[in-house]
Amino acid sequence: MAARDDTLLTDDEREQARTRFPDWSVDDTRMSRSYDASSFLAGIEIVGRVAQTAEDSDHHPDIDIRWRTLTFTLSTHSAGGLTVKDTALAQVIDSEIAADGQATGA
């Protein structure tokens, strides 16, 4: 991956991200994923845990909440596109989503 957190991902690194994160839409400047949580409250709990990680790392996703449907969009605005900060946060989001899916038997 990129040498520094604020270095834009290369074309090859973005292609690797597409493979590594198959549930995400990845383009030159951002990556997005939607997820239907097991319930509205479960979705809010996922958002809360992601928000805490975002605060701790000072890297904040765009989050849209529509009842149970959560949409996360990641981009490092200061760098003008995708960086390792985004792929690291995508991993956290995927882990939170997987935990919700396991709790509901999905």
PDB file of N, CA and C in Angstrom:
ATOM      1  N   MET A   1       0.839  -1.189   0.000  1.00  0.00           N
ATOM      2  CA  MET A   1       0.000   0.000   0.000  1.00  0.00           C
ATOM      3  C   MET A   1       0.883   1.252   0.000  1.00  0.00           C
ATOM      4  N   ALA A   2       0.229   2.380   0.010  1.00  0.00           N
ATOM      5  CA  ALA A   2       0.931   3.655  -0.056  1.00  0.00           C
ATOM      6  C   ALA A   2       1.846   3.829   1.160  1.00  0.00           C
ATOM      7  N   ALA A   3       2.900   4.598   0.977  1.00  0.00           N
ATOM      8  CA  ALA A   3       3.909   4.757   2.021  1.00  0.00           C
ATOM      9  C   ALA A   3       3.405   5.576   3.203  1.00  0.00           C
ATOM     10  N   ARG A   4       2.554   6.593   2.948  1.00  0.00           N
ATOM     11  CA  ARG A   4       2.060   7.451   4.023  1.00  0.00           C
ATOM     12  C   ARG A   4       0.542   7.477   3.978  1.00  0.00           C
ATOM     13  N   ASP A   5      -0.058   7.806   5.121  1.00  0.00           N
ATOM     14  CA  ASP A   5      -1.513   7.824   5.216  1.00  0.00           C
ATOM     15  C   ASP A   5      -2.164   8.807   4.260  1.00  0.00           C
ATOM     16  N   ASP A   6      -1.473   9.916   3.917  1.00  0.00           N
ATOM     17  CA  ASP A   6      -2.088  10.934   3.071  1.00  0.00           C
ATOM     18  C   ASP A   6      -1.643  10.850   1.613  1.00  0.00           C
ATOM     19  N   THR A   7      -0.970   9.780   1.250  1.00  0.00           N
ATOM     20  CA  THR A   7      -0.563   9.564  -0.132  1.00  0.00           C
ATOM     21  C   THR A   7      -1.701   8.877  -0.873  1.00  0.00           C
ATOM     22  N   LEU A   8      -2.078   9.428  -2.024  1.00  0.00           N
ATOM     23  CA  LEU A   8      -3.150   8.826  -2.805  1.00  0.00           C
ATOM     24  C   LEU A   8      -2.784   7.407  -3.233  1.00  0.00           C
ATOM     25  N   LEU A   9      -3.781   6.548  -3.235  1.00  0.00           N
ATOM     26  CA  LEU A   9      -3.562   5.191  -3.734  1.00  0.00           C
ATOM     27  C   LEU A   9      -3.257   5.248  -5.224  1.00  0.00           C
ATOM     28  N   THR A  10      -2.396   4.374  -5.665  1.00  0.00           N
ATOM     29  CA  THR A  10      -2.091   4.259  -7.087  1.00  0.00           C
ATOM     30  C   THR A  10      -3.222   3.500  -7.781  1.00  0.00           C
ATOM     31  N   ASP A  11      -3.183   3.473  -9.103  1.00  0.00           N
ATOM     32  CA  ASP A  11      -4.174   2.704  -9.860  1.00  0.00           C
ATOM     33  C   ASP A  11      -4.165   1.246  -9.415  1.00  0.00           C
ATOM     34  N   ASP A  12      -2.973   0.673  -9.263  1.00  0.00           N
ATOM     35  CA  ASP A  12      -2.872  -0.730  -8.835  1.00  0.00           C
ATOM     36  C   ASP A  12      -3.435  -0.923  -7.429  1.00  0.00           C
ATOM     37  N   GLU A  13      -3.170   0.013  -6.540  1.00  0.00           N
ATOM     38  CA  GLU A  13      -3.686  -0.089  -5.174  1.00  0.00           C
ATOM     39  C   GLU A  13      -5.209   0.040  -5.143  1.00  0.00           C
ATOM     40  N   ARG A  14      -5.770   0.893  -5.989  1.00  0.00           N
ATOM     41  CA  ARG A  14      -7.239   0.983  -6.068  1.00  0.00           C
ATOM     42  C   ARG A  14      -7.820  -0.320  -6.604  1.00  0.00           C
ATOM     43  N   GLU A  15      -7.131  -0.939  -7.557  1.00  0.00           N
ATOM     44  CA  GLU A  15      -7.601  -2.223  -8.083  1.00  0.00           C
ATOM     45  C   GLU A  15      -7.523  -3.300  -6.997  1.00  0.00           C
ATOM     46  N   GLN A  16      -6.481  -3.277  -6.191  1.00  0.00           N
ATOM     47  CA  GLN A  16      -6.369  -4.204  -5.067  1.00  0.00           C
ATOM     48  C   GLN A  16      -7.494  -3.968  -4.068  1.00  0.00           C
ATOM     49  N   ALA A  17      -7.858  -2.715  -3.846  1.00  0.00           N
ATOM     50  CA  ALA A  17      -8.959  -2.391  -2.930  1.00  0.00           C
ATOM     51  C   ALA A  17     -10.277  -2.954  -3.462  1.00  0.00           C
ATOM     52  N   ARG A  18     -10.484  -2.906  -4.777  1.00  0.00           N
ATOM     53  CA  ARG A  18     -11.704  -3.482  -5.364  1.00  0.00           C
ATOM     54  C   ARG A  18     -11.788  -4.980  -5.069  1.00  0.00           C
ATOM     55  N   THR A  19     -10.651  -5.647  -5.119  1.00  0.00           N
ATOM     56  CA  THR A  19     -10.605  -7.082  -4.839  1.00  0.00           C
ATOM     57  C   THR A  19     -10.759  -7.351  -3.345  1.00  0.00           C
ATOM     58  N   ARG A  20     -10.081  -6.578  -2.543  1.00  0.00           N
ATOM     59  CA  ARG A  20     -10.086  -6.765  -1.084  1.00  0.00           C
ATOM     60  C   ARG A  20     -11.433  -6.411  -0.460  1.00  0.00           C
ATOM     61  N   PHE A  21     -12.148  -5.467  -1.066  1.00  0.00           N
ATOM     62  CA  PHE A  21     -13.431  -4.988  -0.538  1.00  0.00           C
ATOM     63  C   PHE A  21     -14.524  -5.167  -1.592  1.00  0.00           C
ATOM     64  N   PRO A  22     -14.934  -6.404  -1.853  1.00  0.00           N
ATOM     65  CA  PRO A  22     -15.885  -6.660  -2.940  1.00  0.00           C
ATOM     66  C   PRO A  22     -17.270  -6.039  -2.726  1.00  0.00           C
ATOM     67  N   ASP A  23     -17.625  -5.707  -1.498  1.00  0.00           N
ATOM     68  CA  ASP A  23     -18.927  -5.097  -1.232  1.00  0.00           C
ATOM     69  C   ASP A  23     -18.908  -3.583  -1.399  1.00  0.00           C
ATOM     70  N   TRP A  24     -17.768  -3.049  -1.748  1.00  0.00           N
ATOM     71  CA  TRP A  24     -17.594  -1.606  -1.886  1.00  0.00           C
ATOM     72  C   TRP A  24     -17.498  -1.232  -3.360  1.00  0.00           C
ATOM     73  N   SER A  25     -18.034  -0.065  -3.684  1.00  0.00           N
ATOM     74  CA  SER A  25     -17.841   0.548  -4.990  1.00  0.00           C
ATOM     75  C   SER A  25     -16.627   1.465  -4.863  1.00  0.00           C
ATOM     76  N   VAL A  26     -15.615   1.224  -5.684  1.00  0.00           N
ATOM     77  CA  VAL A  26     -14.363   1.975  -5.580  1.00  0.00           C
ATOM     78  C   VAL A  26     -14.113   2.702  -6.894  1.00  0.00           C
ATOM     79  N   ASP A  27     -13.914   4.019  -6.813  1.00  0.00           N
ATOM     80  CA  ASP A  27     -13.506   4.771  -7.997  1.00  0.00           C
ATOM     81  C   ASP A  27     -12.240   5.556  -7.671  1.00  0.00           C
ATOM     82  N   ASP A  28     -11.900   6.523  -8.497  1.00  0.00           N
ATOM     83  CA  ASP A  28     -10.635   7.239  -8.320  1.00  0.00           C
ATOM     84  C   ASP A  28     -10.579   8.076  -7.049  1.00  0.00           C
ATOM     85  N   THR A  29     -11.735   8.537  -6.558  1.00  0.00           N
ATOM     86  CA  THR A  29     -11.706   9.482  -5.449  1.00  0.00           C
ATOM     87  C   THR A  29     -12.430   9.028  -4.194  1.00  0.00           C
ATOM     88  N   ARG A  30     -13.205   7.940  -4.278  1.00  0.00           N
ATOM     89  CA  ARG A  30     -13.959   7.511  -3.089  1.00  0.00           C
ATOM     90  C   ARG A  30     -14.333   6.044  -3.192  1.00  0.00           C
ATOM     91  N   MET A  31     -14.756   5.521  -2.039  1.00  0.00           N
ATOM     92  CA  MET A  31     -15.316   4.175  -1.993  1.00  0.00           C
ATOM     93  C   MET A  31     -16.573   4.223  -1.140  1.00  0.00           C
ATOM     94  N   SER A  32     -17.597   3.462  -1.559  1.00  0.00           N
ATOM     95  CA  SER A  32     -18.896   3.493  -0.882  1.00  0.00           C
ATOM     96  C   SER A  32     -19.427   2.090  -0.696  1.00  0.00           C
ATOM     97  N   ARG A  33     -20.189   1.941   0.388  1.00  0.00           N
ATOM     98  CA  ARG A  33     -20.857   0.672   0.667  1.00  0.00           C
ATOM     99  C   ARG A  33     -22.166   0.944   1.388  1.00  0.00           C
ATOM    100  N   SER A  34     -23.206   0.222   0.988  1.00  0.00           N
ATOM    101  CA  SER A  34     -24.486   0.265   1.689  1.00  0.00           C
ATOM    102  C   SER A  34     -24.709  -1.063   2.377  1.00  0.00           C
ATOM    103  N   TYR A  35     -25.463  -1.023   3.468  1.00  0.00           N
ATOM    104  CA  TYR A  35     -25.743  -2.223   4.246  1.00  0.00           C
ATOM    105  C   TYR A  35     -27.100  -2.069   4.911  1.00  0.00           C
ATOM    106  N   ASP A  36     -27.910  -3.118   4.846  1.00  0.00           N
ATOM    107  CA  ASP A  36     -29.184  -3.144   5.564  1.00  0.00           C
ATOM    108  C   ASP A  36     -28.953  -3.823   6.907  1.00  0.00           C
ATOM    109  N   ALA A  37     -28.955  -3.040   7.966  1.00  0.00           N
ATOM    110  CA  ALA A  37     -28.735  -3.563   9.317  1.00  0.00           C
ATOM    111  C   ALA A  37     -29.908  -4.438   9.741  1.00  0.00           C
ATOM    112  N   SER A  38     -29.693  -5.219  10.763  1.00  0.00           N
ATOM    113  CA  SER A  38     -30.731  -6.131  11.244  1.00  0.00           C
ATOM    114  C   SER A  38     -31.927  -5.381  11.822  1.00  0.00           C
ATOM    115  N   SER A  39     -31.716  -4.157  12.290  1.00  0.00           N
ATOM    116  CA  SER A  39     -32.798  -3.313  12.805  1.00  0.00           C
ATOM    117  C   SER A  39     -32.301  -1.873  12.773  1.00  0.00           C
ATOM    118  N   PHE A  40     -33.206  -0.936  12.955  1.00  0.00           N
ATOM    119  CA  PHE A  40     -32.811   0.468  13.007  1.00  0.00           C
ATOM    120  C   PHE A  40     -31.805   0.707  14.127  1.00  0.00           C
ATOM    121  N   LEU A  41     -32.101   0.194  15.323  1.00  0.00           N
ATOM    122  CA  LEU A  41     -31.187   0.410  16.447  1.00  0.00           C
ATOM    123  C   LEU A  41     -29.835  -0.259  16.230  1.00  0.00           C
ATOM    124  N   ALA A  42     -29.833  -1.436  15.607  1.00  0.00           N
ATOM    125  CA  ALA A  42     -28.554  -2.087  15.304  1.00  0.00           C
ATOM    126  C   ALA A  42     -27.735  -1.218  14.348  1.00  0.00           C
ATOM    127  N   GLY A  43     -28.401  -0.597  13.378  1.00  0.00           N
ATOM    128  CA  GLY A  43     -27.715   0.301  12.454  1.00  0.00           C
ATOM    129  C   GLY A  43     -27.118   1.499  13.170  1.00  0.00           C
ATOM    130  N   ILE A  44     -27.874   2.067  14.086  1.00  0.00           N
ATOM    131  CA  ILE A  44     -27.377   3.210  14.846  1.00  0.00           C
ATOM    132  C   ILE A  44     -26.181   2.796  15.700  1.00  0.00           C
ATOM    133  N   GLU A  45     -26.229   1.595  16.265  1.00  0.00           N
ATOM    134  CA  GLU A  45     -25.092   1.107  17.055  1.00  0.00           C
ATOM    135  C   GLU A  45     -23.850   0.925  16.183  1.00  0.00           C
ATOM    136  N   ILE A  46     -24.028   0.409  14.965  1.00  0.00           N
ATOM    137  CA  ILE A  46     -22.902   0.271  14.035  1.00  0.00           C
ATOM    138  C   ILE A  46     -22.313   1.644  13.759  1.00  0.00           C
ATOM    139  N   VAL A  47     -23.175   2.602  13.455  1.00  0.00           N
ATOM    140  CA  VAL A  47     -22.712   3.965  13.171  1.00  0.00           C
ATOM    141  C   VAL A  47     -21.954   4.528  14.375  1.00  0.00           C
ATOM    142  N   GLY A  48     -22.451   4.290  15.577  1.00  0.00           N
ATOM    143  CA  GLY A  48     -21.771   4.782  16.769  1.00  0.00           C
ATOM    144  C   GLY A  48     -20.370   4.217  16.918  1.00  0.00           C
ATOM    145  N   ARG A  49     -20.221   2.926  16.665  1.00  0.00           N
ATOM    146  CA  ARG A  49     -18.893   2.310  16.783  1.00  0.00           C
ATOM    147  C   ARG A  49     -17.954   2.812  15.684  1.00  0.00           C
ATOM    148  N   VAL A  50     -18.474   2.957  14.467  1.00  0.00           N
ATOM    149  CA  VAL A  50     -17.661   3.501  13.376  1.00  0.00           C
ATOM    150  C   VAL A  50     -17.273   4.944  13.695  1.00  0.00           C
ATOM    151  N   ALA A  51     -18.220   5.713  14.232  1.00  0.00           N
ATOM    152  CA  ALA A  51     -17.944   7.112  14.573  1.00  0.00           C
ATOM    153  C   ALA A  51     -16.840   7.218  15.618  1.00  0.00           C
ATOM    154  N   GLN A  52     -16.825   6.313  16.600  1.00  0.00           N
ATOM    155  CA  GLN A  52     -15.772   6.344  17.620  1.00  0.00           C
ATOM    156  C   GLN A  52     -14.411   6.076  16.997  1.00  0.00           C
ATOM    157  N   THR A  53     -14.342   5.090  16.109  1.00  0.00           N
ATOM    158  CA  THR A  53     -13.086   4.811  15.406  1.00  0.00           C
ATOM    159  C   THR A  53     -12.666   6.008  14.557  1.00  0.00           C
ATOM    160  N   ALA A  54     -13.639   6.626  13.888  1.00  0.00           N
ATOM    161  CA  ALA A  54     -13.346   7.794  13.056  1.00  0.00           C
ATOM    162  C   ALA A  54     -12.781   8.933  13.902  1.00  0.00           C
ATOM    163  N   GLU A  55     -13.375   9.165  15.058  1.00  0.00           N
ATOM    164  CA  GLU A  55     -12.872  10.214  15.953  1.00  0.00           C
ATOM    165  C   GLU A  55     -11.455   9.891  16.413  1.00  0.00           C
ATOM    166  N   ASP A  56     -11.243   8.632  16.809  1.00  0.00           N
ATOM    167  CA  ASP A  56      -9.927   8.221  17.311  1.00  0.00           C
ATOM    168  C   ASP A  56      -8.839   8.386  16.254  1.00  0.00           C
ATOM    169  N   SER A  57      -9.203   8.160  14.980  1.00  0.00           N
ATOM    170  CA  SER A  57      -8.213   8.247  13.901  1.00  0.00           C
ATOM    171  C   SER A  57      -8.248   9.584  13.171  1.00  0.00           C
ATOM    172  N   ASP A  58      -9.167  10.477  13.573  1.00  0.00           N
ATOM    173  CA  ASP A  58      -9.338  11.781  12.932  1.00  0.00           C
ATOM    174  C   ASP A  58      -9.547  11.628  11.422  1.00  0.00           C
ATOM    175  N   HIS A  59     -10.373  10.650  11.067  1.00  0.00           N
ATOM    176  CA  HIS A  59     -10.711  10.406   9.652  1.00  0.00           C
ATOM    177  C   HIS A  59     -12.184  10.019   9.613  1.00  0.00           C
ATOM    178  N   HIS A  60     -13.014  10.901   9.069  1.00  0.00           N
ATOM    179  CA  HIS A  60     -14.454  10.777   9.213  1.00  0.00           C
ATOM    180  C   HIS A  60     -15.137  10.435   7.894  1.00  0.00           C
ATOM    181  N   PRO A  61     -15.940   9.378   7.892  1.00  0.00           N
ATOM    182  CA  PRO A  61     -16.674   9.011   6.675  1.00  0.00           C
ATOM    183  C   PRO A  61     -17.934   9.859   6.529  1.00  0.00           C
ATOM    184  N   ASP A  62     -18.460   9.910   5.322  1.00  0.00           N
ATOM    185  CA  ASP A  62     -19.814  10.405   5.110  1.00  0.00           C
ATOM    186  C   ASP A  62     -20.733   9.227   5.400  1.00  0.00           C
ATOM    187  N   ILE A  63     -21.755   9.450   6.215  1.00  0.00           N
ATOM    188  CA  ILE A  63     -22.676   8.376   6.600  1.00  0.00           C
ATOM    189  C   ILE A  63     -24.100   8.834   6.327  1.00  0.00           C
ATOM    190  N   ASP A  64     -24.837   8.010   5.609  1.00  0.00           N
ATOM    191  CA  ASP A  64     -26.249   8.267   5.346  1.00  0.00           C
ATOM    192  C   ASP A  64     -27.051   7.154   6.011  1.00  0.00           C
ATOM    193  N   ILE A  65     -28.069   7.526   6.775  1.00  0.00           N
ATOM    194  CA  ILE A  65     -28.921   6.556   7.466  1.00  0.00           C
ATOM    195  C   ILE A  65     -30.335   6.713   6.930  1.00  0.00           C
ATOM    196  N   ARG A  66     -30.864   5.639   6.364  1.00  0.00           N
ATOM    197  CA  ARG A  66     -32.248   5.597   5.874  1.00  0.00           C
ATOM    198  C   ARG A  66     -32.892   4.364   6.488  1.00  0.00           C
ATOM    199  N   TRP A  67     -33.546   4.558   7.622  1.00  0.00           N
ATOM    200  CA  TRP A  67     -34.122   3.493   8.416  1.00  0.00           C
ATOM    201  C   TRP A  67     -33.044   2.483   8.721  1.00  0.00           C
ATOM    202  N   ARG A  68     -33.085   1.276   8.168  1.00  0.00           N
ATOM    203  CA  ARG A  68     -32.068   0.260   8.456  1.00  0.00           C
ATOM    204  C   ARG A  68     -30.889   0.322   7.486  1.00  0.00           C
ATOM    205  N   THR A  69     -31.029   1.084   6.405  1.00  0.00           N
ATOM    206  CA  THR A  69     -29.994   1.117   5.374  1.00  0.00           C
ATOM    207  C   THR A  69     -28.950   2.179   5.711  1.00  0.00           C
ATOM    208  N   LEU A  70     -27.724   1.713   5.841  1.00  0.00           N
ATOM    209  CA  LEU A  70     -26.580   2.580   6.113  1.00  0.00           C
ATOM    210  C   LEU A  70     -25.736   2.663   4.847  1.00  0.00           C
ATOM    211  N   THR A  71     -25.299   3.858   4.506  1.00  0.00           N
ATOM    212  CA  THR A  71     -24.368   4.025   3.392  1.00  0.00           C
ATOM    213  C   THR A  71     -23.159   4.794   3.903  1.00  0.00           C
ATOM    214  N   PHE A  72     -22.000   4.189   3.714  1.00  0.00           N
ATOM    215  CA  PHE A  72     -20.736   4.786   4.123  1.00  0.00           C
ATOM    216  C   PHE A  72     -19.968   5.185   2.864  1.00  0.00           C
ATOM    217  N   THR A  73     -19.456   6.407   2.831  1.00  0.00           N
ATOM    218  CA  THR A  73     -18.616   6.863   1.727  1.00  0.00           C
ATOM    219  C   THR A  73     -17.320   7.386   2.322  1.00  0.00           C
ATOM    220  N   LEU A  74     -16.218   6.878   1.780  1.00  0.00           N
ATOM    221  CA  LEU A  74     -14.888   7.206   2.299  1.00  0.00           C
ATOM    222  C   LEU A  74     -14.068   7.923   1.234  1.00  0.00           C
ATOM    223  N   SER A  75     -13.373   8.957   1.647  1.00  0.00           N
ATOM    224  CA  SER A  75     -12.436   9.689   0.804  1.00  0.00           C
ATOM    225  C   SER A  75     -11.589  10.556   1.726  1.00  0.00           C
ATOM    226  N   THR A  76     -10.335  10.700   1.403  1.00  0.00           N
ATOM    227  CA  THR A  76      -9.479  11.592   2.170  1.00  0.00           C
ATOM    228  C   THR A  76      -9.492  12.942   1.458  1.00  0.00           C
ATOM    229  N   HIS A  77     -10.373  13.811   1.913  1.00  0.00           N
ATOM    230  CA  HIS A  77     -10.597  15.084   1.229  1.00  0.00           C
ATOM    231  C   HIS A  77      -9.326  15.925   1.163  1.00  0.00           C
ATOM    232  N   SER A  78      -8.522  15.900   2.222  1.00  0.00           N
ATOM    233  CA  SER A  78      -7.295  16.706   2.238  1.00  0.00           C
ATOM    234  C   SER A  78      -6.295  16.246   1.182  1.00  0.00           C
ATOM    235  N   ALA A  79      -6.381  14.967   0.786  1.00  0.00           N
ATOM    236  CA  ALA A  79      -5.475  14.430  -0.230  1.00  0.00           C
ATOM    237  C   ALA A  79      -6.108  14.445  -1.623  1.00  0.00           C
ATOM    238  N   GLY A  80      -7.411  14.633  -1.675  1.00  0.00           N
ATOM    239  CA  GLY A  80      -8.096  14.674  -2.963  1.00  0.00           C
ATOM    240  C   GLY A  80      -8.449  13.322  -3.531  1.00  0.00           C
ATOM    241  N   GLY A  81      -8.577  12.308  -2.668  1.00  0.00           N
ATOM    242  CA  GLY A  81      -8.938  10.979  -3.164  1.00  0.00           C
ATOM    243  C   GLY A  81      -8.740   9.915  -2.106  1.00  0.00           C
ATOM    244  N   LEU A  82      -8.530   8.700  -2.570  1.00  0.00           N
ATOM    245  CA  LEU A  82      -8.406   7.552  -1.678  1.00  0.00           C
ATOM    246  C   LEU A  82      -6.988   7.376  -1.168  1.00  0.00           C
ATOM    247  N   THR A  83      -6.888   7.076   0.128  1.00  0.00           N
ATOM    248  CA  THR A  83      -5.606   6.794   0.772  1.00  0.00           C
ATOM    249  C   THR A  83      -5.763   5.550   1.643  1.00  0.00           C
ATOM    250  N   VAL A  84      -4.682   5.148   2.284  1.00  0.00           N
ATOM    251  CA  VAL A  84      -4.751   4.005   3.189  1.00  0.00           C
ATOM    252  C   VAL A  84      -5.662   4.287   4.384  1.00  0.00           C
ATOM    253  N   LYS A  85      -5.883   5.559   4.705  1.00  0.00           N
ATOM    254  CA  LYS A  85      -6.844   5.886   5.763  1.00  0.00           C
ATOM    255  C   LYS A  85      -8.224   5.341   5.399  1.00  0.00           C
ATOM    256  N   ASP A  86      -8.569   5.425   4.131  1.00  0.00           N
ATOM    257  CA  ASP A  86      -9.882   4.965   3.683  1.00  0.00           C
ATOM    258  C   ASP A  86      -9.992   3.446   3.708  1.00  0.00           C
ATOM    259  N   THR A  87      -8.970   2.762   3.245  1.00  0.00           N
ATOM    260  CA  THR A  87      -9.037   1.304   3.271  1.00  0.00           C
ATOM    261  C   THR A  87      -9.000   0.774   4.701  1.00  0.00           C
ATOM    262  N   ALA A  88      -8.279   1.451   5.578  1.00  0.00           N
ATOM    263  CA  ALA A  88      -8.260   1.035   6.990  1.00  0.00           C
ATOM    264  C   ALA A  88      -9.644   1.198   7.614  1.00  0.00           C
ATOM    265  N   LEU A  89     -10.312   2.309   7.336  1.00  0.00           N
ATOM    266  CA  LEU A  89     -11.648   2.515   7.886  1.00  0.00           C
ATOM    267  C   LEU A  89     -12.659   1.582   7.236  1.00  0.00           C
ATOM    268  N   ALA A  90     -12.483   1.270   5.963  1.00  0.00           N
ATOM    269  CA  ALA A  90     -13.361   0.299   5.297  1.00  0.00           C
ATOM    270  C   ALA A  90     -13.283  -1.057   5.996  1.00  0.00           C
ATOM    271  N   GLN A  91     -12.092  -1.440   6.423  1.00  0.00           N
ATOM    272  CA  GLN A  91     -11.915  -2.706   7.145  1.00  0.00           C
ATOM    273  C   GLN A  91     -12.687  -2.693   8.454  1.00  0.00           C
ATOM    274  N   VAL A  92     -12.627  -1.592   9.168  1.00  0.00           N
ATOM    275  CA  VAL A  92     -13.376  -1.450  10.431  1.00  0.00           C
ATOM    276  C   VAL A  92     -14.880  -1.552  10.158  1.00  0.00           C
ATOM    277  N   ILE A  93     -15.342  -0.838   9.148  1.00  0.00           N
ATOM    278  CA  ILE A  93     -16.772  -0.856   8.817  1.00  0.00           C
ATOM    279  C   ILE A  93     -17.203  -2.268   8.451  1.00  0.00           C
ATOM    280  N   ASP A  94     -16.408  -2.958   7.640  1.00  0.00           N
ATOM    281  CA  ASP A  94     -16.744  -4.340   7.271  1.00  0.00           C
ATOM    282  C   ASP A  94     -16.818  -5.236   8.506  1.00  0.00           C
ATOM    283  N   SER A  95     -15.935  -5.042   9.464  1.00  0.00           N
ATOM    284  CA  SER A  95     -15.953  -5.844  10.687  1.00  0.00           C
ATOM    285  C   SER A  95     -17.216  -5.575  11.497  1.00  0.00           C
ATOM    286  N   GLU A  96     -17.612  -4.320  11.590  1.00  0.00           N
ATOM    287  CA  GLU A  96     -18.836  -3.981  12.314  1.00  0.00           C
ATOM    288  C   GLU A  96     -20.070  -4.572  11.626  1.00  0.00           C
ATOM    289  N   ILE A  97     -20.091  -4.513  10.317  1.00  0.00           N
ATOM    290  CA  ILE A  97     -21.195  -5.086   9.555  1.00  0.00           C
ATOM    291  C   ILE A  97     -21.229  -6.603   9.735  1.00  0.00           C
ATOM    292  N   ALA A  98     -20.067  -7.238   9.687  1.00  0.00           N
ATOM    293  CA  ALA A  98     -20.016  -8.699   9.872  1.00  0.00           C
ATOM    294  C   ALA A  98     -20.535  -9.089  11.243  1.00  0.00           C
ATOM    295  N   ALA A  99     -20.191  -8.306  12.260  1.00  0.00           N
ATOM    296  CA  ALA A  99     -20.673  -8.600  13.617  1.00  0.00           C
ATOM    297  C   ALA A  99     -22.192  -8.508  13.681  1.00  0.00           C
ATOM    298  N   ASP A 100     -22.792  -7.540  13.010  1.00  0.00           N
ATOM    299  CA  ASP A 100     -24.244  -7.418  12.982  1.00  0.00           C
ATOM    300  C   ASP A 100     -24.852  -8.623  12.258  1.00  0.00           C
ATOM    301  N   GLY A 101     -24.244  -9.005  11.157  1.00  0.00           N
ATOM    302  CA  GLY A 101     -24.738 -10.158  10.398  1.00  0.00           C
ATOM    303  C   GLY A 101     -24.669 -11.450  11.200  1.00  0.00           C
ATOM    304  N   GLN A 102     -23.599 -11.632  11.983  1.00  0.00           N
ATOM    305  CA  GLN A 102     -23.445 -12.828  12.814  1.00  0.00           C
ATOM    306  C   GLN A 102     -24.449 -12.826  13.940  1.00  0.00           C
ATOM    307  N   ALA A 103     -24.721 -11.657  14.501  1.00  0.00           N
ATOM    308  CA  ALA A 103     -25.660 -11.570  15.615  1.00  0.00           C
ATOM    309  C   ALA A 103     -27.075 -11.920  15.168  1.00  0.00           C
ATOM    310  N   THR A 104     -27.383 -11.659  13.904  1.00  0.00           N
ATOM    311  CA  THR A 104     -28.729 -11.913  13.402  1.00  0.00           C
ATOM    312  C   THR A 104     -28.820 -13.239  12.649  1.00  0.00           C
ATOM    313  N   GLY A 105     -27.668 -13.915  12.507  1.00  0.00           N
ATOM    314  CA  GLY A 105     -27.661 -15.166  11.774  1.00  0.00           C
ATOM    315  C   GLY A 105     -27.663 -14.978  10.277  1.00  0.00           C
ATOM    316  N   ALA A 106     -27.403 -13.764   9.821  1.00  0.00           N
ATOM    317  CA  ALA A 106     -27.404 -13.479   8.385  1.00  0.00           C
ATOM    318  C   ALA A 106     -26.118 -13.958   7.740  1.00  0.00           C
TER     319      ALA A 106
END
